[in-house]
Amino acid sequence: MSNIYYSIILPAHNEEKRLPAALDKLGAFLRQQPYTAEVVVVENGSSDRTLEVAQAFQEQLPQLRVIHETGRGKGLAVRRGMLEAKGEYRIFCDVDFSMPVEEINRFIPPALSKVDVAIASREAPGAVRYNEPELRHFIGRGFNTLVRWIALPGLQDTQCGFKCFSAEVAEKVFPLQTIDGWTFDVEVLFAARRMGYKIVEVAVPWYYNADSKVRVLKDSYHMFADLINIRLNARRGMYDTAPAQPR
């Protein structure tokens, strides 16, 4: 049985420039926390020095584990990180930390009394967006409307890149994931809800980063196709595994 309480997973594709700042922030933050933690960087398919940068940081951050994954896709990196993590709670985070690192304690007890799945939301009451271009916001809200219609009614923001799962839920849901691209989180949330787990939206402050790798117009077609595939997979019973009994 692991004694790690919180696993923080960072998918990292071509992140040699942004990764050091993210790890610096995490290291300073974790030194102030009472719980045990690990940081899991999953470098996947990078053409720059992301892997070497992450490995070099292990001397400064003893909680850091680095996983090298040859395949590409954020969903692939997150799935591997979630399934190799050892924490009682497991959160994946975007390397740019558009949500301040201090917010990650709001996804676990005692801030939340019980956690199956807790997701960062830029639309829940109390959330604030900073400096986001109007067109990007409009397109993003349009996609989330499709998500609510097709897959996840009631959830206001499924695409913010910070999501926390209990170990039990992670180990049930992520083996069912089939999508390696941007829409993977819709799929794992759909599977979690279908298995009876509760999803909570946590209102967060969020700061737009112009270096974001999501290209909403270019990727929209593929993301829409993924939503249709999720519904088809559901008809085939691919997400019908029963939830584990409470421990």
Protein backbone atom coordinates (compact mmCIF):
# COMPACT_ATOMS: atom_id res chain seq x y z
CA MET A 1 0.00 0.00 0.00
CA SER A 2 1.45 3.38 -1.04
CA ASN A 3 1.75 6.12 1.55
CA ILE A 4 1.50 8.86 -1.08
CA TYR A 5 -1.53 11.05 -0.55
CA TYR A 6 -1.50 13.27 -3.66
CA SER A 7 -0.13 12.61 -7.14
CA ILE A 8 0.28 15.59 -9.48
CA ILE A 9 0.58 14.47 -13.10
CA LEU A 10 2.01 16.73 -15.79
CA PRO A 11 1.64 15.58 -19.42
CA ALA A 12 4.57 17.16 -21.27
CA HIS A 13 5.00 17.26 -25.04
CA ASN A 14 7.64 19.74 -26.27
CA GLU A 15 7.61 21.59 -22.95
CA GLU A 16 11.33 22.25 -22.39
CA LYS A 17 10.69 26.00 -21.99
CA ARG A 18 7.65 25.92 -19.69
CA LEU A 19 8.41 22.83 -17.63
CA PRO A 20 11.14 24.30 -15.35
CA ALA A 21 8.83 27.09 -14.14
CA ALA A 22 6.04 24.57 -13.50
CA LEU A 23 8.32 22.30 -11.47
CA ASP A 24 9.73 25.26 -9.54
CA LYS A 25 6.19 26.28 -8.58
CA LEU A 26 5.24 22.75 -7.59
CA GLY A 27 8.38 22.25 -5.53
CA ALA A 28 7.85 25.48 -3.57
CA PHE A 29 4.19 24.64 -3.07
CA LEU A 30 4.72 21.05 -1.92
CA ARG A 31 7.34 22.08 0.62
CA GLN A 32 4.55 23.92 2.45
CA GLN A 33 2.09 21.01 2.51
CA PRO A 34 1.52 18.53 5.36
CA TYR A 35 0.78 15.57 3.09
CA THR A 36 3.01 13.21 1.12
CA ALA A 37 3.04 13.84 -2.61
CA GLU A 38 4.64 12.87 -5.87
CA VAL A 39 5.00 14.75 -9.15
CA VAL A 40 4.75 12.55 -12.24
CA VAL A 41 5.96 14.08 -15.51
CA VAL A 42 4.91 12.03 -18.54
CA GLU A 43 7.01 13.15 -21.49
CA ASN A 44 5.53 11.85 -24.70
CA GLY A 45 6.82 12.09 -28.24
CA SER A 46 8.75 15.32 -27.76
CA SER A 47 11.17 16.58 -30.41
CA ASP A 48 12.89 18.97 -28.01
CA ARG A 49 14.75 18.43 -24.70
CA THR A 50 11.67 17.98 -22.50
CA LEU A 51 12.81 14.55 -21.28
CA GLU A 52 16.32 15.72 -20.39
CA VAL A 53 14.99 18.84 -18.65
CA ALA A 54 12.58 16.76 -16.56
CA GLN A 55 15.22 14.20 -15.62
CA ALA A 56 17.69 16.91 -14.60
CA PHE A 57 15.08 18.36 -12.24
CA GLN A 58 14.94 15.19 -10.16
CA GLU A 59 17.94 16.38 -8.14
CA GLN A 60 16.02 19.51 -7.09
CA LEU A 61 12.65 17.86 -6.59
CA PRO A 62 12.95 14.48 -4.85
CA GLN A 63 9.21 13.79 -5.25
CA LEU A 64 9.59 13.87 -9.04
CA ARG A 65 9.18 10.79 -11.23
CA VAL A 66 9.74 11.02 -14.98
CA ILE A 67 8.06 8.66 -17.42
CA HIS A 68 9.08 8.51 -21.08
CA GLU A 69 6.25 7.58 -23.43
CA THR A 70 7.08 7.29 -27.12
CA GLY A 71 3.51 7.79 -28.33
CA ARG A 72 1.93 11.20 -28.79
CA GLY A 73 -1.32 12.66 -27.52
CA LYS A 74 -2.25 14.38 -24.29
CA GLY A 75 -4.82 11.70 -23.52
CA LEU A 76 -2.19 8.97 -23.84
CA ALA A 77 0.17 10.82 -21.47
CA VAL A 78 -2.54 11.46 -18.89
CA ARG A 79 -3.77 7.86 -18.98
CA ARG A 80 -0.29 6.49 -18.40
CA GLY A 81 0.38 8.97 -15.61
CA MET A 82 -2.92 8.25 -13.88
CA LEU A 83 -2.41 4.50 -13.98
CA GLU A 84 1.23 4.61 -12.84
CA ALA A 85 0.61 7.18 -10.09
CA LYS A 86 0.49 5.94 -6.50
CA GLY A 87 -1.47 8.66 -4.74
CA GLU A 88 -4.77 8.29 -2.92
CA TYR A 89 -5.82 11.28 -5.04
CA ARG A 90 -4.49 11.99 -8.54
CA ILE A 91 -4.75 15.29 -10.39
CA PHE A 92 -3.51 16.07 -13.87
CA CYS A 93 -2.48 19.63 -14.62
CA ASP A 94 -1.48 21.65 -17.66
CA VAL A 95 2.19 22.61 -17.57
CA ASP A 96 1.35 26.30 -18.07
CA PHE A 97 -0.53 26.36 -14.74
CA SER A 98 -3.16 28.71 -16.11
CA MET A 99 -4.88 27.85 -12.83
CA PRO A 100 -2.59 28.91 -9.95
CA VAL A 101 -0.82 25.97 -8.36
CA GLU A 102 -2.22 26.84 -4.93
CA GLU A 103 -5.69 25.92 -6.17
CA ILE A 104 -4.94 22.20 -6.36
CA ASN A 105 -5.67 21.72 -2.65
CA ARG A 106 -9.29 22.66 -3.34
CA PHE A 107 -9.79 19.36 -5.20
CA ILE A 108 -9.14 17.08 -2.22
CA PRO A 109 -10.21 16.76 1.42
CA PRO A 110 -10.61 18.73 3.60
CA ALA A 111 -11.71 21.29 0.97
CA LEU A 112 -14.04 18.62 -0.45
CA SER A 113 -15.46 16.09 1.99
CA LYS A 114 -15.52 13.23 -0.53
CA VAL A 115 -13.93 13.08 -3.94
CA ASP A 116 -14.80 10.77 -6.79
CA VAL A 117 -13.98 13.26 -9.54
CA ALA A 118 -13.39 17.00 -9.11
CA ILE A 119 -12.79 19.15 -12.17
CA ALA A 120 -11.67 22.76 -12.51
CA SER A 121 -14.38 24.97 -13.97
CA ARG A 122 -14.12 28.39 -15.57
CA GLU A 123 -17.92 28.61 -15.69
CA ALA A 124 -19.10 27.53 -12.22
CA PRO A 125 -20.32 30.34 -9.93
CA GLY A 126 -17.31 32.20 -8.57
CA ALA A 127 -14.94 31.33 -11.40
CA VAL A 128 -13.02 34.14 -13.12
CA ARG A 129 -11.34 34.15 -16.54
CA TYR A 130 -8.49 36.57 -17.17
CA ASN A 131 -7.40 37.94 -20.57
CA GLU A 132 -9.13 35.33 -22.72
CA PRO A 133 -9.83 36.51 -26.30
CA GLU A 134 -13.55 36.77 -27.00
CA LEU A 135 -13.40 34.53 -30.08
CA ARG A 136 -11.65 31.73 -28.19
CA HIS A 137 -14.17 32.00 -25.38
CA PHE A 138 -17.07 31.87 -27.84
CA ILE A 139 -15.72 28.80 -29.64
CA GLY A 140 -14.97 27.06 -26.36
CA ARG A 141 -18.47 27.67 -25.05
CA GLY A 142 -19.87 26.36 -28.32
CA PHE A 143 -17.91 23.13 -27.97
CA ASN A 144 -18.99 22.70 -24.37
CA THR A 145 -22.60 23.13 -25.45
CA LEU A 146 -22.09 20.18 -27.79
CA VAL A 147 -20.51 18.22 -24.94
CA ARG A 148 -23.57 18.85 -22.75
CA TRP A 149 -25.98 17.89 -25.53
CA ILE A 150 -24.14 14.74 -26.62
CA ALA A 151 -22.31 13.38 -23.60
CA LEU A 152 -22.31 15.23 -20.27
CA PRO A 153 -25.47 17.21 -19.52
CA GLY A 154 -25.13 19.59 -16.60
CA LEU A 155 -21.35 20.05 -16.64
CA GLN A 156 -20.47 23.63 -17.55
CA ASP A 157 -16.76 23.25 -18.32
CA THR A 158 -15.25 19.90 -19.26
CA GLN A 159 -12.14 21.20 -21.02
CA CYS A 160 -10.21 23.04 -18.33
CA GLY A 161 -6.94 21.14 -17.97
CA PHE A 162 -7.06 20.34 -14.24
CA LYS A 163 -8.96 17.26 -13.07
CA CYS A 164 -8.66 15.17 -9.92
CA PHE A 165 -9.70 11.53 -9.41
CA SER A 166 -9.60 9.31 -6.38
CA ALA A 167 -7.30 6.33 -6.87
CA GLU A 168 -10.31 4.01 -6.97
CA VAL A 169 -12.01 5.95 -9.76
CA ALA A 170 -8.80 6.46 -11.75
CA GLU A 171 -8.05 2.76 -11.73
CA LYS A 172 -11.59 1.93 -12.91
CA VAL A 173 -12.03 4.64 -15.53
CA PHE A 174 -8.71 5.21 -17.30
CA PRO A 175 -8.34 1.61 -18.56
CA LEU A 176 -11.57 2.26 -20.51
CA GLN A 177 -10.19 5.35 -22.27
CA THR A 178 -9.85 4.98 -26.05
CA ILE A 179 -9.17 8.59 -27.10
CA ASP A 180 -5.58 9.83 -27.03
CA GLY A 181 -6.30 13.36 -28.29
CA TRP A 182 -7.84 16.49 -26.74
CA THR A 183 -11.28 15.02 -26.12
CA PHE A 184 -10.02 12.24 -23.83
CA ASP A 185 -11.28 14.03 -20.73
CA VAL A 186 -14.86 14.04 -22.01
CA GLU A 187 -14.55 10.28 -22.46
CA VAL A 188 -13.20 9.57 -18.97
CA LEU A 189 -15.80 11.85 -17.38
CA PHE A 190 -18.53 10.14 -19.40
CA ALA A 191 -17.29 6.73 -18.23
CA ALA A 192 -17.07 7.88 -14.61
CA ARG A 193 -20.62 9.22 -14.62
CA ARG A 194 -21.94 6.11 -16.37
CA MET A 195 -20.40 3.97 -13.63
CA GLY A 196 -22.17 6.01 -10.98
CA TYR A 197 -19.36 8.23 -9.73
CA LYS A 198 -20.03 11.82 -8.71
CA ILE A 199 -18.39 14.68 -10.63
CA VAL A 200 -17.98 18.04 -8.88
CA GLU A 201 -17.03 21.30 -10.62
CA VAL A 202 -14.62 23.52 -8.67
CA ALA A 203 -14.75 27.21 -9.63
CA VAL A 204 -11.24 28.50 -10.26
CA PRO A 205 -9.41 31.62 -11.39
CA TRP A 206 -7.98 30.95 -14.84
CA TYR A 207 -5.43 32.96 -16.80
CA TYR A 208 -5.33 32.75 -20.58
CA ASN A 209 -1.95 31.71 -21.98
CA ALA A 210 -1.27 32.69 -25.58
CA ASP A 211 1.09 29.72 -25.92
CA SER A 212 -1.73 27.22 -25.39
CA LYS A 213 -1.38 24.21 -27.69
CA VAL A 214 -5.10 23.78 -28.23
CA ARG A 215 -6.08 25.04 -31.70
CA VAL A 216 -9.82 25.20 -31.30
CA LEU A 217 -10.70 25.85 -34.93
CA LYS A 218 -8.28 23.30 -36.37
CA ASP A 219 -9.16 20.62 -33.83
CA SER A 220 -12.93 21.18 -33.71
CA TYR A 221 -13.82 18.61 -36.38
CA HIS A 222 -11.84 15.85 -34.69
CA MET A 223 -13.25 16.75 -31.29
CA PHE A 224 -16.83 16.60 -32.62
CA ALA A 225 -16.09 13.20 -34.18
CA ASP A 226 -14.76 12.03 -30.80
CA LEU A 227 -18.05 13.00 -29.13
CA ILE A 228 -19.97 10.85 -31.61
CA ASN A 229 -17.56 7.95 -31.02
CA ILE A 230 -18.11 8.22 -27.27
CA ARG A 231 -21.84 7.77 -27.77
CA LEU A 232 -21.24 4.83 -30.13
CA ASN A 233 -18.88 3.24 -27.61
CA ALA A 234 -21.54 3.67 -24.93
CA ARG A 235 -24.07 1.82 -27.10
CA ARG A 236 -21.59 -1.02 -27.39
CA GLY A 237 -21.37 -1.17 -23.59
CA MET A 238 -17.72 -0.14 -23.41
CA TYR A 239 -18.25 2.04 -20.31
CA ASP A 240 -20.60 -0.21 -18.36
CA THR A 241 -18.20 -1.54 -15.74
CA ALA A 242 -19.83 -1.44 -12.31
CA PRO A 243 -18.30 0.93 -9.75
CA ALA A 244 -16.17 -0.51 -6.98
CA GLN A 245 -17.72 -0.83 -3.55
CA PRO A 246 -16.76 1.93 -1.07
CA ARG A 247 -13.66 1.10 0.93
